[in-house]
């Protein structure tokens, strides 16, 4: 199966502690991507930002960005597994127009 680059933006509950955020990102989200055969190319902590509309009565969200190489048939499973993680408000996985060359 062909792999493509994808941009993953995750919005987490801003009320979580720093340790909880690190635990969710490293132990749940990154492991989910790796276990499904994905390769994380870059990641970036965008911090707490104002949401355009409230999600679960929250007006702010903690944004985290990941660019990863994923198999097209694993996107649905990765999206589902991240979405059901406690503390995650929203997940967006989009095919990237630009690929990173290592």
Protein backbone atom coordinates (compact mmCIF):
# COMPACT_ATOMS: atom_id res chain seq x y z
CA UNK A 1 0.00 0.00 0.00
CA UNK A 2 1.26 3.46 -0.93
CA UNK A 3 2.08 5.89 1.85
CA UNK A 4 1.26 9.59 1.72
CA UNK A 5 2.07 12.59 3.92
CA UNK A 6 -0.74 13.79 6.15
CA UNK A 7 -1.19 16.80 8.41
CA UNK A 8 -2.83 15.89 11.71
CA UNK A 9 -4.17 18.66 13.93
CA UNK A 10 -5.40 17.60 17.36
CA UNK A 11 -7.33 19.89 19.71
CA UNK A 12 -7.11 18.82 23.33
CA UNK A 13 -8.92 19.98 26.45
CA UNK A 14 -7.09 23.10 27.73
CA UNK A 15 -7.86 22.20 31.36
CA UNK A 16 -5.53 19.18 31.30
CA UNK A 17 -2.29 19.40 33.25
CA UNK A 18 1.03 19.53 31.40
CA UNK A 19 1.83 15.95 32.47
CA UNK A 20 -1.55 14.73 31.22
CA UNK A 21 -1.01 16.44 27.86
CA UNK A 22 2.45 14.87 27.46
CA UNK A 23 1.04 11.47 28.42
CA UNK A 24 -1.83 11.67 25.93
CA UNK A 25 0.40 12.91 23.10
CA UNK A 26 3.31 10.51 23.58
CA UNK A 27 1.68 7.41 25.03
CA UNK A 28 -1.59 7.42 23.15
CA UNK A 29 -1.48 9.48 19.96
CA UNK A 30 2.11 8.81 18.83
CA UNK A 31 1.85 5.11 19.74
CA UNK A 32 -1.41 4.83 17.79
CA UNK A 33 0.25 6.32 14.69
CA UNK A 34 3.33 4.08 15.05
CA UNK A 35 1.33 0.92 15.71
CA UNK A 36 -0.66 1.46 12.50
CA UNK A 37 2.54 1.61 10.45
CA UNK A 38 2.86 5.39 10.38
CA UNK A 39 6.05 7.41 10.60
CA UNK A 40 6.03 10.79 12.36
CA UNK A 41 8.06 13.31 10.34
CA UNK A 42 7.55 16.52 12.33
CA UNK A 43 5.51 17.71 15.25
CA UNK A 44 4.76 21.09 16.74
CA UNK A 45 3.09 22.33 19.90
CA UNK A 46 0.85 25.27 18.92
CA UNK A 47 -0.28 25.88 22.51
CA UNK A 48 -3.63 27.13 23.75
CA UNK A 49 -5.69 29.08 21.22
CA UNK A 50 -9.20 30.46 21.07
CA UNK A 51 -11.69 28.23 19.24
CA UNK A 52 -13.89 29.71 16.51
CA UNK A 53 -16.91 28.15 18.23
CA UNK A 54 -17.28 26.35 21.58
CA UNK A 55 -16.63 22.60 21.69
CA UNK A 56 -18.10 20.83 24.74
CA UNK A 57 -18.60 24.27 26.33
CA UNK A 58 -14.86 25.03 26.00
CA UNK A 59 -13.86 28.33 24.36
CA UNK A 60 -10.12 27.49 24.16
CA UNK A 61 -8.24 24.43 23.02
CA UNK A 62 -4.70 23.09 23.20
CA UNK A 63 -3.53 22.59 19.59
CA UNK A 64 -0.93 19.98 18.59
CA UNK A 65 0.28 19.45 14.99
CA UNK A 66 1.84 16.28 13.55
CA UNK A 67 3.04 15.65 9.99
CA UNK A 68 3.22 11.92 9.35
CA UNK A 69 3.64 9.38 6.58
CA UNK A 70 0.67 7.03 6.74
CA UNK A 71 -0.86 4.26 4.70
CA UNK A 72 -4.12 5.39 3.13
CA UNK A 73 -6.04 2.39 4.49
CA UNK A 74 -5.04 3.16 8.09
CA UNK A 75 -6.39 6.74 8.20
CA UNK A 76 -9.88 5.74 9.35
CA UNK A 77 -8.55 3.60 12.23
CA UNK A 78 -6.03 6.24 13.34
CA UNK A 79 -8.72 8.94 13.28
CA UNK A 80 -11.07 6.77 15.35
CA UNK A 81 -8.44 5.77 17.93
CA UNK A 82 -7.30 9.37 18.46
CA UNK A 83 -10.88 10.69 18.56
CA UNK A 84 -11.95 8.29 21.38
CA UNK A 85 -8.96 9.24 23.54
CA UNK A 86 -10.13 11.05 26.66
CA UNK A 87 -9.18 14.73 26.57
CA UNK A 88 -9.30 15.05 22.78
CA UNK A 89 -11.88 17.56 21.57
CA UNK A 90 -11.28 17.37 17.78
CA UNK A 91 -9.03 15.64 15.24
CA UNK A 92 -8.38 16.68 11.67
CA UNK A 93 -6.36 14.52 9.27
CA UNK A 94 -5.71 16.05 5.84
CA UNK A 95 -3.54 14.87 2.99
CA UNK A 96 -0.55 17.20 2.77
CA UNK A 97 0.29 18.97 -0.45
CA UNK A 98 3.98 19.12 0.49
CA UNK A 99 6.08 16.08 1.35
CA UNK A 100 9.11 16.33 3.60
CA UNK A 101 12.23 14.70 2.19
CA UNK A 102 14.64 13.26 4.73
